[in-house]
Amino acid sequence: SAFGHRLRVYAGLESVVGDIQWVTFLRDPLERTASHYQYDVQRGGVDLPFEEWITHDAVRDRQTRIVAGPDGTADEAIALLGHFSFVGRSDRFDESLILMQQAVGVPDIRYASKWVAPSDEIKKHLLSDPATRSLLKAVNRHDLALWEYAVEEVFPKQRAEYGPGLDEAVAAFRERNARMTRFRQYARPAYVAYVAKWRLGYRRWVRKVTGDPTAG
């Protein structure tokens, strides 16, 4: 397996590895963008006012552009979702992991939070203030359409395909995963093996096919 923000379904990786199962997780666009600014301020040292930060092109419709390319539209991204074996939702993360486990045959999933914001006050203010919320909507027009399609069309189908017992499976997963720490996660043999394969092999062909020397 390989993962990262720079992997692109439109990049033609199938020419290098023919049998690929694509998986992606989407997030509510307004929450995602507000969290992005909060992260830049708290961890990235950014001191720009939100009203200036949000005018930068890199902020606009970020998820649509990751799925469909720099000039991608919501319609193009929605069409490309058909290439994905699974589309998860960050607001229903644990449930998405269980659904993904069945959809792509992942034998075991555990996780530990890597970085948690010390405070959500910035995000909460941006989402609650009518003026800043309007700016968030303005730069996420395509992302909002993509998110709506994923929430109303894709995710319900995936839940239906799983069948009965989903709630019980999620509860059992949460009980198992409660004991996971970052140290335990990084020390697991499967994780160590993945890192080795990624650095020694996968990263090279991702960079070659995407033409991005910084990928991975």
Protein backbone atom coordinates (compact mmCIF):
# COMPACT_ATOMS: atom_id res chain seq x y z
CA SER A 1 0.00 0.00 0.00
CA ALA A 2 0.99 3.63 -0.52
CA PHE A 3 -0.62 6.77 0.77
CA GLY A 4 -0.21 10.53 0.82
CA HIS A 5 -1.71 13.78 -0.36
CA ARG A 6 0.37 13.72 -3.54
CA LEU A 7 -1.04 10.47 -4.91
CA ARG A 8 -3.48 11.33 -7.68
CA VAL A 9 -6.06 9.11 -9.36
CA TYR A 10 -5.69 11.11 -12.59
CA ALA A 11 -1.88 10.75 -12.74
CA GLY A 12 -1.79 7.41 -14.60
CA LEU A 13 -0.14 5.30 -11.93
CA GLU A 14 -1.89 2.28 -13.43
CA SER A 15 0.77 2.35 -16.16
CA VAL A 16 3.31 1.32 -13.51
CA VAL A 17 1.15 -0.85 -11.24
CA GLY A 18 -1.90 -2.21 -13.02
CA ASP A 19 -4.01 -3.42 -10.10
CA ILE A 20 -4.66 -0.38 -7.94
CA GLN A 21 -7.38 0.13 -5.37
CA TRP A 22 -7.89 3.82 -4.75
CA VAL A 23 -9.13 5.02 -1.37
CA THR A 24 -9.79 8.59 -0.24
CA PHE A 25 -11.25 10.37 2.78
CA LEU A 26 -13.22 13.59 2.40
CA ARG A 27 -14.00 16.22 5.00
CA ASP A 28 -16.68 18.87 5.36
CA PRO A 29 -15.10 21.68 3.27
CA LEU A 30 -15.89 24.52 5.65
CA GLU A 31 -14.51 22.59 8.64
CA ARG A 32 -11.47 21.51 6.65
CA THR A 33 -10.59 25.03 5.53
CA ALA A 34 -11.17 26.53 8.98
CA SER A 35 -8.98 23.81 10.51
CA HIS A 36 -6.35 24.45 7.82
CA TYR A 37 -6.09 28.10 8.86
CA GLN A 38 -6.07 27.16 12.54
CA TYR A 39 -3.22 24.70 11.90
CA ASP A 40 -1.23 27.29 9.94
CA VAL A 41 -1.56 29.74 12.81
CA GLN A 42 -0.92 27.33 15.67
CA ARG A 43 1.73 25.12 14.14
CA GLY A 44 2.93 26.80 10.95
CA GLY A 45 3.72 30.21 12.38
CA VAL A 46 1.42 32.01 9.92
CA ASP A 47 0.44 35.49 11.10
CA LEU A 48 -1.78 36.53 8.19
CA PRO A 49 -5.32 37.68 8.95
CA PHE A 50 -7.86 35.09 7.85
CA GLU A 51 -9.33 37.50 5.29
CA GLU A 52 -5.94 37.66 3.54
CA TRP A 53 -4.98 34.01 4.00
CA ILE A 54 -8.17 32.76 2.35
CA THR A 55 -7.45 34.70 -0.87
CA HIS A 56 -4.48 32.45 -1.65
CA ASP A 57 -5.17 30.10 -4.55
CA ALA A 58 -3.88 27.05 -2.68
CA VAL A 59 -6.85 27.28 -0.29
CA ARG A 60 -9.56 27.17 -2.98
CA ASP A 61 -11.50 23.89 -3.45
CA ARG A 62 -8.56 21.89 -2.18
CA GLN A 63 -10.25 18.48 -2.12
CA THR A 64 -11.70 18.82 -5.62
CA ARG A 65 -8.28 19.72 -6.95
CA ILE A 66 -6.64 16.79 -5.21
CA VAL A 67 -9.16 14.41 -6.77
CA ALA A 68 -9.54 15.98 -10.22
CA GLY A 69 -6.43 18.08 -10.79
CA PRO A 70 -5.42 21.76 -10.46
CA ASP A 71 -8.22 22.92 -12.76
CA GLY A 72 -10.69 20.24 -11.74
CA THR A 73 -14.37 20.89 -11.21
CA ALA A 74 -16.88 19.28 -8.90
CA ASP A 75 -18.44 17.37 -11.82
CA GLU A 76 -15.02 15.99 -12.81
CA ALA A 77 -14.18 15.02 -9.23
CA ILE A 78 -17.56 13.33 -8.78
CA ALA A 79 -16.99 11.33 -11.97
CA LEU A 80 -13.55 10.27 -10.74
CA LEU A 81 -14.99 9.00 -7.46
CA GLY A 82 -16.16 6.05 -9.53
CA HIS A 83 -12.50 4.97 -9.73
CA PHE A 84 -12.24 4.69 -5.96
CA SER A 85 -12.80 1.42 -4.17
CA PHE A 86 -13.77 3.36 -1.08
CA VAL A 87 -14.61 6.95 -0.09
CA GLY A 88 -14.48 7.70 3.63
CA ARG A 89 -15.74 10.59 5.75
CA SER A 90 -13.50 12.18 8.36
CA ASP A 91 -16.50 13.11 10.52
CA ARG A 92 -17.36 9.40 10.71
CA PHE A 93 -13.81 8.18 10.83
CA ASP A 94 -14.09 4.97 12.85
CA GLU A 95 -17.14 3.86 10.90
CA SER A 96 -15.31 4.65 7.66
CA LEU A 97 -12.35 2.50 8.73
CA ILE A 98 -14.60 -0.50 9.32
CA LEU A 99 -16.31 0.00 5.96
CA MET A 100 -12.94 0.39 4.24
CA GLN A 101 -11.64 -2.75 5.91
CA GLN A 102 -14.32 -4.78 4.20
CA ALA A 103 -14.25 -2.86 0.91
CA VAL A 104 -10.54 -3.27 0.19
CA GLY A 105 -9.64 -6.25 2.36
CA VAL A 106 -7.42 -4.59 4.97
CA PRO A 107 -6.80 -7.29 7.61
CA ASP A 108 -6.23 -5.09 10.65
CA ILE A 109 -6.63 -1.37 11.31
CA ARG A 110 -5.46 0.60 14.33
CA TYR A 111 -4.56 4.25 14.75
CA ALA A 112 -3.45 6.87 17.23
CA SER A 113 -3.90 10.61 16.86
CA LYS A 114 -0.71 12.24 15.58
CA TRP A 115 -1.42 15.88 16.31
CA VAL A 116 -4.37 17.42 18.11
CA ALA A 117 -4.95 21.16 18.10
CA PRO A 118 -4.30 22.71 21.53
CA SER A 119 -7.47 24.77 21.05
CA ASP A 120 -10.34 24.87 18.55
CA GLU A 121 -11.26 28.48 19.25
CA ILE A 122 -10.00 29.78 15.91
CA LYS A 123 -11.96 27.19 13.94
CA LYS A 124 -15.09 27.69 16.00
CA HIS A 125 -14.98 31.45 15.47
CA LEU A 126 -14.53 31.14 11.70
CA LEU A 127 -17.45 28.73 11.41
CA SER A 128 -19.81 30.69 13.66
CA ASP A 129 -19.18 34.20 12.34
CA PRO A 130 -21.46 34.94 9.34
CA ALA A 131 -18.81 37.01 7.54
CA THR A 132 -16.01 34.45 7.73
CA ARG A 133 -18.38 31.57 7.07
CA SER A 134 -19.44 33.33 3.88
CA LEU A 135 -15.79 33.54 2.80
CA LEU A 136 -15.35 29.83 3.53
CA LYS A 137 -18.31 29.01 1.31
CA ALA A 138 -17.09 31.28 -1.48
CA VAL A 139 -13.77 29.45 -1.90
CA ASN A 140 -15.27 25.96 -1.54
CA ARG A 141 -18.04 25.97 -4.12
CA HIS A 142 -16.79 22.85 -5.90
CA ASP A 143 -15.75 21.13 -2.67
CA LEU A 144 -19.23 21.64 -1.22
CA ALA A 145 -20.81 19.97 -4.24
CA LEU A 146 -18.33 17.07 -4.05
CA TRP A 147 -18.95 16.67 -0.31
CA GLU A 148 -22.71 16.69 -0.76
CA TYR A 149 -22.48 13.95 -3.39
CA ALA A 150 -20.22 11.82 -1.21
CA VAL A 151 -22.47 12.21 1.84
CA GLU A 152 -25.80 11.71 0.08
CA GLU A 153 -24.89 9.18 -2.62
CA VAL A 154 -21.61 7.36 -2.07
CA PHE A 155 -21.45 6.80 1.69
CA PRO A 156 -25.00 5.43 2.10
CA LYS A 157 -24.31 2.86 -0.64
CA GLN A 158 -21.15 1.75 1.11
CA ARG A 159 -23.04 1.34 4.38
CA ALA A 160 -25.72 -0.70 2.62
CA GLU A 161 -23.07 -2.93 1.03
CA TYR A 162 -21.59 -3.70 4.44
CA GLY A 163 -24.86 -5.13 5.68
CA PRO A 164 -26.02 -5.66 9.28
CA GLY A 165 -23.77 -5.45 12.29
CA LEU A 166 -21.95 -2.22 11.41
CA ASP A 167 -22.70 -0.44 14.68
CA GLU A 168 -21.51 -3.43 16.67
CA ALA A 169 -18.32 -3.67 14.58
CA VAL A 170 -17.57 0.01 15.15
CA ALA A 171 -18.10 -0.34 18.90
CA ALA A 172 -15.77 -3.36 19.05
CA PHE A 173 -13.14 -1.52 17.00
CA ARG A 174 -13.22 1.47 19.33
CA GLU A 175 -12.73 -0.78 22.32
CA ARG A 176 -9.69 -2.45 20.71
CA ASN A 177 -8.25 0.80 19.41
CA ALA A 178 -8.52 2.59 22.77
CA ARG A 179 -5.29 0.91 23.82
CA MET A 180 -3.36 2.12 20.78
CA THR A 181 -0.68 4.78 21.33
CA ARG A 182 1.61 6.49 18.85
CA PHE A 183 4.56 4.45 20.14
CA ARG A 184 2.68 1.17 19.70
CA GLN A 185 1.51 2.21 16.26
CA TYR A 186 4.98 3.05 14.98
CA ALA A 187 6.51 -0.05 16.57
CA ARG A 188 4.13 -2.48 14.86
CA PRO A 189 5.93 -4.77 12.35
CA ALA A 190 3.34 -4.00 9.67
CA TYR A 191 4.02 -0.27 9.96
CA VAL A 192 7.79 -0.73 9.89
CA ALA A 193 7.49 -2.94 6.80
CA TYR A 194 5.28 -0.38 5.08
CA VAL A 195 7.74 2.47 5.72
CA ALA A 196 10.59 0.37 4.32
CA LYS A 197 8.68 -0.55 1.17
CA TRP A 198 7.54 3.05 0.66
CA ARG A 199 10.99 4.60 1.01
CA LEU A 200 12.85 1.95 -0.98
CA GLY A 201 10.34 1.33 -3.73
CA TYR A 202 6.93 2.97 -3.97
CA ARG A 203 8.17 6.53 -3.52
CA ARG A 204 10.42 6.23 -6.56
CA TRP A 205 7.67 5.28 -8.99
CA VAL A 206 5.21 7.76 -7.48
CA ARG A 207 7.72 10.53 -8.16
CA LYS A 208 8.43 9.18 -11.64
CA VAL A 209 4.82 8.86 -12.72
CA THR A 210 3.56 12.08 -11.15
CA GLY A 211 6.62 14.06 -12.18
CA ASP A 212 6.75 15.52 -8.68
CA PRO A 213 10.22 15.13 -7.08
CA THR A 214 8.81 16.04 -3.67
CA ALA A 215 6.09 13.36 -3.64
CA GLY A 216 6.24 11.26 -0.49
